[in-house]
PDBML (XML) file of the C-alpha atoms, coordinates in Angstrom:
<?xml version="1.0" encoding="UTF-8" ?>
<PDBx:datablock datablockName="MODEL"
   xmlns:PDBx="http://pdbml.pdb.org/schema/pdbx-v50.xsd"
   xmlns:xsi="http://www.w3.org/2001/XMLSchema-instance"
   xsi:schemaLocation="http://pdbml.pdb.org/schema/pdbx-v50.xsd pdbx-v50.xsd">
   <PDBx:atom_siteCategory>
      <PDBx:atom_site id="1">
         <PDBx:B_iso_or_equiv>0.00</PDBx:B_iso_or_equiv>
         <PDBx:Cartn_x>14.600</PDBx:Cartn_x>
         <PDBx:Cartn_y>121.811</PDBx:Cartn_y>
         <PDBx:Cartn_z>-42.462</PDBx:Cartn_z>
         <PDBx:auth_asym_id>A</PDBx:auth_asym_id>
         <PDBx:auth_atom_id>CA</PDBx:auth_atom_id>
         <PDBx:auth_comp_id>LEU</PDBx:auth_comp_id>
         <PDBx:auth_seq_id>1</PDBx:auth_seq_id>
         <PDBx:group_PDB>ATOM</PDBx:group_PDB>
         <PDBx:label_alt_id xsi:nil="true" />
         <PDBx:label_asym_id>A</PDBx:label_asym_id>
         <PDBx:label_atom_id>CA</PDBx:label_atom_id>
         <PDBx:label_comp_id>LEU</PDBx:label_comp_id>
         <PDBx:label_entity_id>1</PDBx:label_entity_id>
         <PDBx:label_seq_id>1</PDBx:label_seq_id>
         <PDBx:occupancy>1.00</PDBx:occupancy>
         <PDBx:pdbx_PDB_model_num>1</PDBx:pdbx_PDB_model_num>
         <PDBx:type_symbol>C</PDBx:type_symbol>
      </PDBx:atom_site>
      <PDBx:atom_site id="2">
         <PDBx:B_iso_or_equiv>0.00</PDBx:B_iso_or_equiv>
         <PDBx:Cartn_x>12.498</PDBx:Cartn_x>
         <PDBx:Cartn_y>119.221</PDBx:Cartn_y>
         <PDBx:Cartn_z>-44.284</PDBx:Cartn_z>
         <PDBx:auth_asym_id>A</PDBx:auth_asym_id>
         <PDBx:auth_atom_id>CA</PDBx:auth_atom_id>
         <PDBx:auth_comp_id>LEU</PDBx:auth_comp_id>
         <PDBx:auth_seq_id>2</PDBx:auth_seq_id>
         <PDBx:group_PDB>ATOM</PDBx:group_PDB>
         <PDBx:label_alt_id xsi:nil="true" />
         <PDBx:label_asym_id>A</PDBx:label_asym_id>
         <PDBx:label_atom_id>CA</PDBx:label_atom_id>
         <PDBx:label_comp_id>LEU</PDBx:label_comp_id>
         <PDBx:label_entity_id>1</PDBx:label_entity_id>
         <PDBx:label_seq_id>2</PDBx:label_seq_id>
         <PDBx:occupancy>1.00</PDBx:occupancy>
         <PDBx:pdbx_PDB_model_num>1</PDBx:pdbx_PDB_model_num>
         <PDBx:type_symbol>C</PDBx:type_symbol>
      </PDBx:atom_site>
      <PDBx:atom_site id="3">
         <PDBx:B_iso_or_equiv>0.00</PDBx:B_iso_or_equiv>
         <PDBx:Cartn_x>14.823</PDBx:Cartn_x>
         <PDBx:Cartn_y>116.415</PDBx:Cartn_y>
         <PDBx:Cartn_z>-43.164</PDBx:Cartn_z>
         <PDBx:auth_asym_id>A</PDBx:auth_asym_id>
         <PDBx:auth_atom_id>CA</PDBx:auth_atom_id>
         <PDBx:auth_comp_id>VAL</PDBx:auth_comp_id>
         <PDBx:auth_seq_id>3</PDBx:auth_seq_id>
         <PDBx:group_PDB>ATOM</PDBx:group_PDB>
         <PDBx:label_alt_id xsi:nil="true" />
         <PDBx:label_asym_id>A</PDBx:label_asym_id>
         <PDBx:label_atom_id>CA</PDBx:label_atom_id>
         <PDBx:label_comp_id>VAL</PDBx:label_comp_id>
         <PDBx:label_entity_id>1</PDBx:label_entity_id>
         <PDBx:label_seq_id>3</PDBx:label_seq_id>
         <PDBx:occupancy>1.00</PDBx:occupancy>
         <PDBx:pdbx_PDB_model_num>1</PDBx:pdbx_PDB_model_num>
         <PDBx:type_symbol>C</PDBx:type_symbol>
      </PDBx:atom_site>
      <PDBx:atom_site id="4">
         <PDBx:B_iso_or_equiv>0.00</PDBx:B_iso_or_equiv>
         <PDBx:Cartn_x>14.716</PDBx:Cartn_x>
         <PDBx:Cartn_y>117.760</PDBx:Cartn_y>
         <PDBx:Cartn_z>-39.595</PDBx:Cartn_z>
         <PDBx:auth_asym_id>A</PDBx:auth_asym_id>
         <PDBx:auth_atom_id>CA</PDBx:auth_atom_id>
         <PDBx:auth_comp_id>ALA</PDBx:auth_comp_id>
         <PDBx:auth_seq_id>4</PDBx:auth_seq_id>
         <PDBx:group_PDB>ATOM</PDBx:group_PDB>
         <PDBx:label_alt_id xsi:nil="true" />
         <PDBx:label_asym_id>A</PDBx:label_asym_id>
         <PDBx:label_atom_id>CA</PDBx:label_atom_id>
         <PDBx:label_comp_id>ALA</PDBx:label_comp_id>
         <PDBx:label_entity_id>1</PDBx:label_entity_id>
         <PDBx:label_seq_id>4</PDBx:label_seq_id>
         <PDBx:occupancy>1.00</PDBx:occupancy>
         <PDBx:pdbx_PDB_model_num>1</PDBx:pdbx_PDB_model_num>
         <PDBx:type_symbol>C</PDBx:type_symbol>
      </PDBx:atom_site>
      <PDBx:atom_site id="5">
         <PDBx:B_iso_or_equiv>0.00</PDBx:B_iso_or_equiv>
         <PDBx:Cartn_x>10.918</PDBx:Cartn_x>
         <PDBx:Cartn_y>117.928</PDBx:Cartn_y>
         <PDBx:Cartn_z>-39.651</PDBx:Cartn_z>
         <PDBx:auth_asym_id>A</PDBx:auth_asym_id>
         <PDBx:auth_atom_id>CA</PDBx:auth_atom_id>
         <PDBx:auth_comp_id>ALA</PDBx:auth_comp_id>
         <PDBx:auth_seq_id>5</PDBx:auth_seq_id>
         <PDBx:group_PDB>ATOM</PDBx:group_PDB>
         <PDBx:label_alt_id xsi:nil="true" />
         <PDBx:label_asym_id>A</PDBx:label_asym_id>
         <PDBx:label_atom_id>CA</PDBx:label_atom_id>
         <PDBx:label_comp_id>ALA</PDBx:label_comp_id>
         <PDBx:label_entity_id>1</PDBx:label_entity_id>
         <PDBx:label_seq_id>5</PDBx:label_seq_id>
         <PDBx:occupancy>1.00</PDBx:occupancy>
         <PDBx:pdbx_PDB_model_num>1</PDBx:pdbx_PDB_model_num>
         <PDBx:type_symbol>C</PDBx:type_symbol>
      </PDBx:atom_site>
      <PDBx:atom_site id="6">
         <PDBx:B_iso_or_equiv>0.00</PDBx:B_iso_or_equiv>
         <PDBx:Cartn_x>10.583</PDBx:Cartn_x>
         <PDBx:Cartn_y>114.423</PDBx:Cartn_y>
         <PDBx:Cartn_z>-41.060</PDBx:Cartn_z>
         <PDBx:auth_asym_id>A</PDBx:auth_asym_id>
         <PDBx:auth_atom_id>CA</PDBx:auth_atom_id>
         <PDBx:auth_comp_id>SER</PDBx:auth_comp_id>
         <PDBx:auth_seq_id>6</PDBx:auth_seq_id>
         <PDBx:group_PDB>ATOM</PDBx:group_PDB>
         <PDBx:label_alt_id xsi:nil="true" />
         <PDBx:label_asym_id>A</PDBx:label_asym_id>
         <PDBx:label_atom_id>CA</PDBx:label_atom_id>
         <PDBx:label_comp_id>SER</PDBx:label_comp_id>
         <PDBx:label_entity_id>1</PDBx:label_entity_id>
         <PDBx:label_seq_id>6</PDBx:label_seq_id>
         <PDBx:occupancy>1.00</PDBx:occupancy>
         <PDBx:pdbx_PDB_model_num>1</PDBx:pdbx_PDB_model_num>
         <PDBx:type_symbol>C</PDBx:type_symbol>
      </PDBx:atom_site>
      <PDBx:atom_site id="7">
         <PDBx:B_iso_or_equiv>0.00</PDBx:B_iso_or_equiv>
         <PDBx:Cartn_x>12.847</PDBx:Cartn_x>
         <PDBx:Cartn_y>112.846</PDBx:Cartn_y>
         <PDBx:Cartn_z>-38.434</PDBx:Cartn_z>
         <PDBx:auth_asym_id>A</PDBx:auth_asym_id>
         <PDBx:auth_atom_id>CA</PDBx:auth_atom_id>
         <PDBx:auth_comp_id>VAL</PDBx:auth_comp_id>
         <PDBx:auth_seq_id>7</PDBx:auth_seq_id>
         <PDBx:group_PDB>ATOM</PDBx:group_PDB>
         <PDBx:label_alt_id xsi:nil="true" />
         <PDBx:label_asym_id>A</PDBx:label_asym_id>
         <PDBx:label_atom_id>CA</PDBx:label_atom_id>
         <PDBx:label_comp_id>VAL</PDBx:label_comp_id>
         <PDBx:label_entity_id>1</PDBx:label_entity_id>
         <PDBx:label_seq_id>7</PDBx:label_seq_id>
         <PDBx:occupancy>1.00</PDBx:occupancy>
         <PDBx:pdbx_PDB_model_num>1</PDBx:pdbx_PDB_model_num>
         <PDBx:type_symbol>C</PDBx:type_symbol>
      </PDBx:atom_site>
      <PDBx:atom_site id="8">
         <PDBx:B_iso_or_equiv>0.00</PDBx:B_iso_or_equiv>
         <PDBx:Cartn_x>11.244</PDBx:Cartn_x>
         <PDBx:Cartn_y>114.950</PDBx:Cartn_y>
         <PDBx:Cartn_z>-35.695</PDBx:Cartn_z>
         <PDBx:auth_asym_id>A</PDBx:auth_asym_id>
         <PDBx:auth_atom_id>CA</PDBx:auth_atom_id>
         <PDBx:auth_comp_id>GLY</PDBx:auth_comp_id>
         <PDBx:auth_seq_id>8</PDBx:auth_seq_id>
         <PDBx:group_PDB>ATOM</PDBx:group_PDB>
         <PDBx:label_alt_id xsi:nil="true" />
         <PDBx:label_asym_id>A</PDBx:label_asym_id>
         <PDBx:label_atom_id>CA</PDBx:label_atom_id>
         <PDBx:label_comp_id>GLY</PDBx:label_comp_id>
         <PDBx:label_entity_id>1</PDBx:label_entity_id>
         <PDBx:label_seq_id>8</PDBx:label_seq_id>
         <PDBx:occupancy>1.00</PDBx:occupancy>
         <PDBx:pdbx_PDB_model_num>1</PDBx:pdbx_PDB_model_num>
         <PDBx:type_symbol>C</PDBx:type_symbol>
      </PDBx:atom_site>
      <PDBx:atom_site id="9">
         <PDBx:B_iso_or_equiv>0.00</PDBx:B_iso_or_equiv>
         <PDBx:Cartn_x>7.682</PDBx:Cartn_x>
         <PDBx:Cartn_y>113.795</PDBx:Cartn_y>
         <PDBx:Cartn_z>-36.403</PDBx:Cartn_z>
         <PDBx:auth_asym_id>A</PDBx:auth_asym_id>
         <PDBx:auth_atom_id>CA</PDBx:auth_atom_id>
         <PDBx:auth_comp_id>LEU</PDBx:auth_comp_id>
         <PDBx:auth_seq_id>9</PDBx:auth_seq_id>
         <PDBx:group_PDB>ATOM</PDBx:group_PDB>
         <PDBx:label_alt_id xsi:nil="true" />
         <PDBx:label_asym_id>A</PDBx:label_asym_id>
         <PDBx:label_atom_id>CA</PDBx:label_atom_id>
         <PDBx:label_comp_id>LEU</PDBx:label_comp_id>
         <PDBx:label_entity_id>1</PDBx:label_entity_id>
         <PDBx:label_seq_id>9</PDBx:label_seq_id>
         <PDBx:occupancy>1.00</PDBx:occupancy>
         <PDBx:pdbx_PDB_model_num>1</PDBx:pdbx_PDB_model_num>
         <PDBx:type_symbol>C</PDBx:type_symbol>
      </PDBx:atom_site>
      <PDBx:atom_site id="10">
         <PDBx:B_iso_or_equiv>0.00</PDBx:B_iso_or_equiv>
         <PDBx:Cartn_x>8.170</PDBx:Cartn_x>
         <PDBx:Cartn_y>110.632</PDBx:Cartn_y>
         <PDBx:Cartn_z>-34.375</PDBx:Cartn_z>
         <PDBx:auth_asym_id>A</PDBx:auth_asym_id>
         <PDBx:auth_atom_id>CA</PDBx:auth_atom_id>
         <PDBx:auth_comp_id>SER</PDBx:auth_comp_id>
         <PDBx:auth_seq_id>10</PDBx:auth_seq_id>
         <PDBx:group_PDB>ATOM</PDBx:group_PDB>
         <PDBx:label_alt_id xsi:nil="true" />
         <PDBx:label_asym_id>A</PDBx:label_asym_id>
         <PDBx:label_atom_id>CA</PDBx:label_atom_id>
         <PDBx:label_comp_id>SER</PDBx:label_comp_id>
         <PDBx:label_entity_id>1</PDBx:label_entity_id>
         <PDBx:label_seq_id>10</PDBx:label_seq_id>
         <PDBx:occupancy>1.00</PDBx:occupancy>
         <PDBx:pdbx_PDB_model_num>1</PDBx:pdbx_PDB_model_num>
         <PDBx:type_symbol>C</PDBx:type_symbol>
      </PDBx:atom_site>
      <PDBx:atom_site id="11">
         <PDBx:B_iso_or_equiv>0.00</PDBx:B_iso_or_equiv>
         <PDBx:Cartn_x>9.249</PDBx:Cartn_x>
         <PDBx:Cartn_y>112.814</PDBx:Cartn_y>
         <PDBx:Cartn_z>-31.438</PDBx:Cartn_z>
         <PDBx:auth_asym_id>A</PDBx:auth_asym_id>
         <PDBx:auth_atom_id>CA</PDBx:auth_atom_id>
         <PDBx:auth_comp_id>ASN</PDBx:auth_comp_id>
         <PDBx:auth_seq_id>11</PDBx:auth_seq_id>
         <PDBx:group_PDB>ATOM</PDBx:group_PDB>
         <PDBx:label_alt_id xsi:nil="true" />
         <PDBx:label_asym_id>A</PDBx:label_asym_id>
         <PDBx:label_atom_id>CA</PDBx:label_atom_id>
         <PDBx:label_comp_id>ASN</PDBx:label_comp_id>
         <PDBx:label_entity_id>1</PDBx:label_entity_id>
         <PDBx:label_seq_id>11</PDBx:label_seq_id>
         <PDBx:occupancy>1.00</PDBx:occupancy>
         <PDBx:pdbx_PDB_model_num>1</PDBx:pdbx_PDB_model_num>
         <PDBx:type_symbol>C</PDBx:type_symbol>
      </PDBx:atom_site>
      <PDBx:atom_site id="12">
         <PDBx:B_iso_or_equiv>0.00</PDBx:B_iso_or_equiv>
         <PDBx:Cartn_x>6.100</PDBx:Cartn_x>
         <PDBx:Cartn_y>114.903</PDBx:Cartn_y>
         <PDBx:Cartn_z>-31.827</PDBx:Cartn_z>
         <PDBx:auth_asym_id>A</PDBx:auth_asym_id>
         <PDBx:auth_atom_id>CA</PDBx:auth_atom_id>
         <PDBx:auth_comp_id>LEU</PDBx:auth_comp_id>
         <PDBx:auth_seq_id>12</PDBx:auth_seq_id>
         <PDBx:group_PDB>ATOM</PDBx:group_PDB>
         <PDBx:label_alt_id xsi:nil="true" />
         <PDBx:label_asym_id>A</PDBx:label_asym_id>
         <PDBx:label_atom_id>CA</PDBx:label_atom_id>
         <PDBx:label_comp_id>LEU</PDBx:label_comp_id>
         <PDBx:label_entity_id>1</PDBx:label_entity_id>
         <PDBx:label_seq_id>12</PDBx:label_seq_id>
         <PDBx:occupancy>1.00</PDBx:occupancy>
         <PDBx:pdbx_PDB_model_num>1</PDBx:pdbx_PDB_model_num>
         <PDBx:type_symbol>C</PDBx:type_symbol>
      </PDBx:atom_site>
      <PDBx:atom_site id="13">
         <PDBx:B_iso_or_equiv>0.00</PDBx:B_iso_or_equiv>
         <PDBx:Cartn_x>3.928</PDBx:Cartn_x>
         <PDBx:Cartn_y>111.799</PDBx:Cartn_y>
         <PDBx:Cartn_z>-31.703</PDBx:Cartn_z>
         <PDBx:auth_asym_id>A</PDBx:auth_asym_id>
         <PDBx:auth_atom_id>CA</PDBx:auth_atom_id>
         <PDBx:auth_comp_id>ALA</PDBx:auth_comp_id>
         <PDBx:auth_seq_id>13</PDBx:auth_seq_id>
         <PDBx:group_PDB>ATOM</PDBx:group_PDB>
         <PDBx:label_alt_id xsi:nil="true" />
         <PDBx:label_asym_id>A</PDBx:label_asym_id>
         <PDBx:label_atom_id>CA</PDBx:label_atom_id>
         <PDBx:label_comp_id>ALA</PDBx:label_comp_id>
         <PDBx:label_entity_id>1</PDBx:label_entity_id>
         <PDBx:label_seq_id>13</PDBx:label_seq_id>
         <PDBx:occupancy>1.00</PDBx:occupancy>
         <PDBx:pdbx_PDB_model_num>1</PDBx:pdbx_PDB_model_num>
         <PDBx:type_symbol>C</PDBx:type_symbol>
      </PDBx:atom_site>
      <PDBx:atom_site id="14">
         <PDBx:B_iso_or_equiv>0.00</PDBx:B_iso_or_equiv>
         <PDBx:Cartn_x>5.804</PDBx:Cartn_x>
         <PDBx:Cartn_y>110.281</PDBx:Cartn_y>
         <PDBx:Cartn_z>-28.753</PDBx:Cartn_z>
         <PDBx:auth_asym_id>A</PDBx:auth_asym_id>
         <PDBx:auth_atom_id>CA</PDBx:auth_atom_id>
         <PDBx:auth_comp_id>ALA</PDBx:auth_comp_id>
         <PDBx:auth_seq_id>14</PDBx:auth_seq_id>
         <PDBx:group_PDB>ATOM</PDBx:group_PDB>
         <PDBx:label_alt_id xsi:nil="true" />
         <PDBx:label_asym_id>A</PDBx:label_asym_id>
         <PDBx:label_atom_id>CA</PDBx:label_atom_id>
         <PDBx:label_comp_id>ALA</PDBx:label_comp_id>
         <PDBx:label_entity_id>1</PDBx:label_entity_id>
         <PDBx:label_seq_id>14</PDBx:label_seq_id>
         <PDBx:occupancy>1.00</PDBx:occupancy>
         <PDBx:pdbx_PDB_model_num>1</PDBx:pdbx_PDB_model_num>
         <PDBx:type_symbol>C</PDBx:type_symbol>
      </PDBx:atom_site>
      <PDBx:atom_site id="15">
         <PDBx:B_iso_or_equiv>0.00</PDBx:B_iso_or_equiv>
         <PDBx:Cartn_x>5.744</PDBx:Cartn_x>
         <PDBx:Cartn_y>113.589</PDBx:Cartn_y>
         <PDBx:Cartn_z>-26.861</PDBx:Cartn_z>
         <PDBx:auth_asym_id>A</PDBx:auth_asym_id>
         <PDBx:auth_atom_id>CA</PDBx:auth_atom_id>
         <PDBx:auth_comp_id>ALA</PDBx:auth_comp_id>
         <PDBx:auth_seq_id>15</PDBx:auth_seq_id>
         <PDBx:group_PDB>ATOM</PDBx:group_PDB>
         <PDBx:label_alt_id xsi:nil="true" />
         <PDBx:label_asym_id>A</PDBx:label_asym_id>
         <PDBx:label_atom_id>CA</PDBx:label_atom_id>
         <PDBx:label_comp_id>ALA</PDBx:label_comp_id>
         <PDBx:label_entity_id>1</PDBx:label_entity_id>
         <PDBx:label_seq_id>15</PDBx:label_seq_id>
         <PDBx:occupancy>1.00</PDBx:occupancy>
         <PDBx:pdbx_PDB_model_num>1</PDBx:pdbx_PDB_model_num>
         <PDBx:type_symbol>C</PDBx:type_symbol>
      </PDBx:atom_site>
      <PDBx:atom_site id="16">
         <PDBx:B_iso_or_equiv>0.00</PDBx:B_iso_or_equiv>
         <PDBx:Cartn_x>1.956</PDBx:Cartn_x>
         <PDBx:Cartn_y>113.712</PDBx:Cartn_y>
         <PDBx:Cartn_z>-27.258</PDBx:Cartn_z>
         <PDBx:auth_asym_id>A</PDBx:auth_asym_id>
         <PDBx:auth_atom_id>CA</PDBx:auth_atom_id>
         <PDBx:auth_comp_id>ILE</PDBx:auth_comp_id>
         <PDBx:auth_seq_id>16</PDBx:auth_seq_id>
         <PDBx:group_PDB>ATOM</PDBx:group_PDB>
         <PDBx:label_alt_id xsi:nil="true" />
         <PDBx:label_asym_id>A</PDBx:label_asym_id>
         <PDBx:label_atom_id>CA</PDBx:label_atom_id>
         <PDBx:label_comp_id>ILE</PDBx:label_comp_id>
         <PDBx:label_entity_id>1</PDBx:label_entity_id>
         <PDBx:label_seq_id>16</PDBx:label_seq_id>
         <PDBx:occupancy>1.00</PDBx:occupancy>
         <PDBx:pdbx_PDB_model_num>1</PDBx:pdbx_PDB_model_num>
         <PDBx:type_symbol>C</PDBx:type_symbol>
      </PDBx:atom_site>
      <PDBx:atom_site id="17">
         <PDBx:B_iso_or_equiv>0.00</PDBx:B_iso_or_equiv>
         <PDBx:Cartn_x>1.825</PDBx:Cartn_x>
         <PDBx:Cartn_y>110.292</PDBx:Cartn_y>
         <PDBx:Cartn_z>-25.580</PDBx:Cartn_z>
         <PDBx:auth_asym_id>A</PDBx:auth_asym_id>
         <PDBx:auth_atom_id>CA</PDBx:auth_atom_id>
         <PDBx:auth_comp_id>GLY</PDBx:auth_comp_id>
         <PDBx:auth_seq_id>17</PDBx:auth_seq_id>
         <PDBx:group_PDB>ATOM</PDBx:group_PDB>
         <PDBx:label_alt_id xsi:nil="true" />
         <PDBx:label_asym_id>A</PDBx:label_asym_id>
         <PDBx:label_atom_id>CA</PDBx:label_atom_id>
         <PDBx:label_comp_id>GLY</PDBx:label_comp_id>
         <PDBx:label_entity_id>1</PDBx:label_entity_id>
         <PDBx:label_seq_id>17</PDBx:label_seq_id>
         <PDBx:occupancy>1.00</PDBx:occupancy>
         <PDBx:pdbx_PDB_model_num>1</PDBx:pdbx_PDB_model_num>
         <PDBx:type_symbol>C</PDBx:type_symbol>
      </PDBx:atom_site>
      <PDBx:atom_site id="18">
         <PDBx:B_iso_or_equiv>0.00</PDBx:B_iso_or_equiv>
         <PDBx:Cartn_x>4.168</PDBx:Cartn_x>
         <PDBx:Cartn_y>111.389</PDBx:Cartn_y>
         <PDBx:Cartn_z>-22.810</PDBx:Cartn_z>
         <PDBx:auth_asym_id>A</PDBx:auth_asym_id>
         <PDBx:auth_atom_id>CA</PDBx:auth_atom_id>
         <PDBx:auth_comp_id>ILE</PDBx:auth_comp_id>
         <PDBx:auth_seq_id>18</PDBx:auth_seq_id>
         <PDBx:group_PDB>ATOM</PDBx:group_PDB>
         <PDBx:label_alt_id xsi:nil="true" />
         <PDBx:label_asym_id>A</PDBx:label_asym_id>
         <PDBx:label_atom_id>CA</PDBx:label_atom_id>
         <PDBx:label_comp_id>ILE</PDBx:label_comp_id>
         <PDBx:label_entity_id>1</PDBx:label_entity_id>
         <PDBx:label_seq_id>18</PDBx:label_seq_id>
         <PDBx:occupancy>1.00</PDBx:occupancy>
         <PDBx:pdbx_PDB_model_num>1</PDBx:pdbx_PDB_model_num>
         <PDBx:type_symbol>C</PDBx:type_symbol>
      </PDBx:atom_site>
      <PDBx:atom_site id="19">
         <PDBx:B_iso_or_equiv>0.00</PDBx:B_iso_or_equiv>
         <PDBx:Cartn_x>2.176</PDBx:Cartn_x>
         <PDBx:Cartn_y>114.597</PDBx:Cartn_y>
         <PDBx:Cartn_z>-22.312</PDBx:Cartn_z>
         <PDBx:auth_asym_id>A</PDBx:auth_asym_id>
         <PDBx:auth_atom_id>CA</PDBx:auth_atom_id>
         <PDBx:auth_comp_id>GLY</PDBx:auth_comp_id>
         <PDBx:auth_seq_id>19</PDBx:auth_seq_id>
         <PDBx:group_PDB>ATOM</PDBx:group_PDB>
         <PDBx:label_alt_id xsi:nil="true" />
         <PDBx:label_asym_id>A</PDBx:label_asym_id>
         <PDBx:label_atom_id>CA</PDBx:label_atom_id>
         <PDBx:label_comp_id>GLY</PDBx:label_comp_id>
         <PDBx:label_entity_id>1</PDBx:label_entity_id>
         <PDBx:label_seq_id>19</PDBx:label_seq_id>
         <PDBx:occupancy>1.00</PDBx:occupancy>
         <PDBx:pdbx_PDB_model_num>1</PDBx:pdbx_PDB_model_num>
         <PDBx:type_symbol>C</PDBx:type_symbol>
      </PDBx:atom_site>
      <PDBx:atom_site id="20">
         <PDBx:B_iso_or_equiv>0.00</PDBx:B_iso_or_equiv>
         <PDBx:Cartn_x>-0.976</PDBx:Cartn_x>
         <PDBx:Cartn_y>112.616</PDBx:Cartn_y>
         <PDBx:Cartn_z>-21.558</PDBx:Cartn_z>
         <PDBx:auth_asym_id>A</PDBx:auth_asym_id>
         <PDBx:auth_atom_id>CA</PDBx:auth_atom_id>
         <PDBx:auth_comp_id>PHE</PDBx:auth_comp_id>
         <PDBx:auth_seq_id>20</PDBx:auth_seq_id>
         <PDBx:group_PDB>ATOM</PDBx:group_PDB>
         <PDBx:label_alt_id xsi:nil="true" />
         <PDBx:label_asym_id>A</PDBx:label_asym_id>
         <PDBx:label_atom_id>CA</PDBx:label_atom_id>
         <PDBx:label_comp_id>PHE</PDBx:label_comp_id>
         <PDBx:label_entity_id>1</PDBx:label_entity_id>
         <PDBx:label_seq_id>20</PDBx:label_seq_id>
         <PDBx:occupancy>1.00</PDBx:occupancy>
         <PDBx:pdbx_PDB_model_num>1</PDBx:pdbx_PDB_model_num>
         <PDBx:type_symbol>C</PDBx:type_symbol>
      </PDBx:atom_site>
      <PDBx:atom_site id="21">
         <PDBx:B_iso_or_equiv>0.00</PDBx:B_iso_or_equiv>
         <PDBx:Cartn_x>0.584</PDBx:Cartn_x>
         <PDBx:Cartn_y>111.686</PDBx:Cartn_y>
         <PDBx:Cartn_z>-18.221</PDBx:Cartn_z>
         <PDBx:auth_asym_id>A</PDBx:auth_asym_id>
         <PDBx:auth_atom_id>CA</PDBx:auth_atom_id>
         <PDBx:auth_comp_id>GLY</PDBx:auth_comp_id>
         <PDBx:auth_seq_id>21</PDBx:auth_seq_id>
         <PDBx:group_PDB>ATOM</PDBx:group_PDB>
         <PDBx:label_alt_id xsi:nil="true" />
         <PDBx:label_asym_id>A</PDBx:label_asym_id>
         <PDBx:label_atom_id>CA</PDBx:label_atom_id>
         <PDBx:label_comp_id>GLY</PDBx:label_comp_id>
         <PDBx:label_entity_id>1</PDBx:label_entity_id>
         <PDBx:label_seq_id>21</PDBx:label_seq_id>
         <PDBx:occupancy>1.00</PDBx:occupancy>
         <PDBx:pdbx_PDB_model_num>1</PDBx:pdbx_PDB_model_num>
         <PDBx:type_symbol>C</PDBx:type_symbol>
      </PDBx:atom_site>
      <PDBx:atom_site id="22">
         <PDBx:B_iso_or_equiv>0.00</PDBx:B_iso_or_equiv>
         <PDBx:Cartn_x>0.830</PDBx:Cartn_x>
         <PDBx:Cartn_y>115.321</PDBx:Cartn_y>
         <PDBx:Cartn_z>-17.188</PDBx:Cartn_z>
         <PDBx:auth_asym_id>A</PDBx:auth_asym_id>
         <PDBx:auth_atom_id>CA</PDBx:auth_atom_id>
         <PDBx:auth_comp_id>GLY</PDBx:auth_comp_id>
         <PDBx:auth_seq_id>22</PDBx:auth_seq_id>
         <PDBx:group_PDB>ATOM</PDBx:group_PDB>
         <PDBx:label_alt_id xsi:nil="true" />
         <PDBx:label_asym_id>A</PDBx:label_asym_id>
         <PDBx:label_atom_id>CA</PDBx:label_atom_id>
         <PDBx:label_comp_id>GLY</PDBx:label_comp_id>
         <PDBx:label_entity_id>1</PDBx:label_entity_id>
         <PDBx:label_seq_id>22</PDBx:label_seq_id>
         <PDBx:occupancy>1.00</PDBx:occupancy>
         <PDBx:pdbx_PDB_model_num>1</PDBx:pdbx_PDB_model_num>
         <PDBx:type_symbol>C</PDBx:type_symbol>
      </PDBx:atom_site>
      <PDBx:atom_site id="23">
         <PDBx:B_iso_or_equiv>0.00</PDBx:B_iso_or_equiv>
         <PDBx:Cartn_x>3.202</PDBx:Cartn_x>
         <PDBx:Cartn_y>118.123</PDBx:Cartn_y>
         <PDBx:Cartn_z>-18.125</PDBx:Cartn_z>
         <PDBx:auth_asym_id>A</PDBx:auth_asym_id>
         <PDBx:auth_atom_id>CA</PDBx:auth_atom_id>
         <PDBx:auth_comp_id>VAL</PDBx:auth_comp_id>
         <PDBx:auth_seq_id>23</PDBx:auth_seq_id>
         <PDBx:group_PDB>ATOM</PDBx:group_PDB>
         <PDBx:label_alt_id xsi:nil="true" />
         <PDBx:label_asym_id>A</PDBx:label_asym_id>
         <PDBx:label_atom_id>CA</PDBx:label_atom_id>
         <PDBx:label_comp_id>VAL</PDBx:label_comp_id>
         <PDBx:label_entity_id>1</PDBx:label_entity_id>
         <PDBx:label_seq_id>23</PDBx:label_seq_id>
         <PDBx:occupancy>1.00</PDBx:occupancy>
         <PDBx:pdbx_PDB_model_num>1</PDBx:pdbx_PDB_model_num>
         <PDBx:type_symbol>C</PDBx:type_symbol>
      </PDBx:atom_site>
      <PDBx:atom_site id="24">
         <PDBx:B_iso_or_equiv>0.00</PDBx:B_iso_or_equiv>
         <PDBx:Cartn_x>5.349</PDBx:Cartn_x>
         <PDBx:Cartn_y>119.955</PDBx:Cartn_y>
         <PDBx:Cartn_z>-15.621</PDBx:Cartn_z>
         <PDBx:auth_asym_id>A</PDBx:auth_asym_id>
         <PDBx:auth_atom_id>CA</PDBx:auth_atom_id>
         <PDBx:auth_comp_id>THR</PDBx:auth_comp_id>
         <PDBx:auth_seq_id>24</PDBx:auth_seq_id>
         <PDBx:group_PDB>ATOM</PDBx:group_PDB>
         <PDBx:label_alt_id xsi:nil="true" />
         <PDBx:label_asym_id>A</PDBx:label_asym_id>
         <PDBx:label_atom_id>CA</PDBx:label_atom_id>
         <PDBx:label_comp_id>THR</PDBx:label_comp_id>
         <PDBx:label_entity_id>1</PDBx:label_entity_id>
         <PDBx:label_seq_id>24</PDBx:label_seq_id>
         <PDBx:occupancy>1.00</PDBx:occupancy>
         <PDBx:pdbx_PDB_model_num>1</PDBx:pdbx_PDB_model_num>
         <PDBx:type_symbol>C</PDBx:type_symbol>
      </PDBx:atom_site>
      <PDBx:atom_site id="25">
         <PDBx:B_iso_or_equiv>0.00</PDBx:B_iso_or_equiv>
         <PDBx:Cartn_x>8.271</PDBx:Cartn_x>
         <PDBx:Cartn_y>122.304</PDBx:Cartn_y>
         <PDBx:Cartn_z>-16.182</PDBx:Cartn_z>
         <PDBx:auth_asym_id>A</PDBx:auth_asym_id>
         <PDBx:auth_atom_id>CA</PDBx:auth_atom_id>
         <PDBx:auth_comp_id>ALA</PDBx:auth_comp_id>
         <PDBx:auth_seq_id>25</PDBx:auth_seq_id>
         <PDBx:group_PDB>ATOM</PDBx:group_PDB>
         <PDBx:label_alt_id xsi:nil="true" />
         <PDBx:label_asym_id>A</PDBx:label_asym_id>
         <PDBx:label_atom_id>CA</PDBx:label_atom_id>
         <PDBx:label_comp_id>ALA</PDBx:label_comp_id>
         <PDBx:label_entity_id>1</PDBx:label_entity_id>
         <PDBx:label_seq_id>25</PDBx:label_seq_id>
         <PDBx:occupancy>1.00</PDBx:occupancy>
         <PDBx:pdbx_PDB_model_num>1</PDBx:pdbx_PDB_model_num>
         <PDBx:type_symbol>C</PDBx:type_symbol>
      </PDBx:atom_site>
   </PDBx:atom_siteCategory>
</PDBx:datablock>
């Protein structure tokens, strides 16, 4: 779980950037 969280943090950050453009289903 710690490995998964550490490699997933970049996805969290990138998804925040993507979300700025608007979030639809």
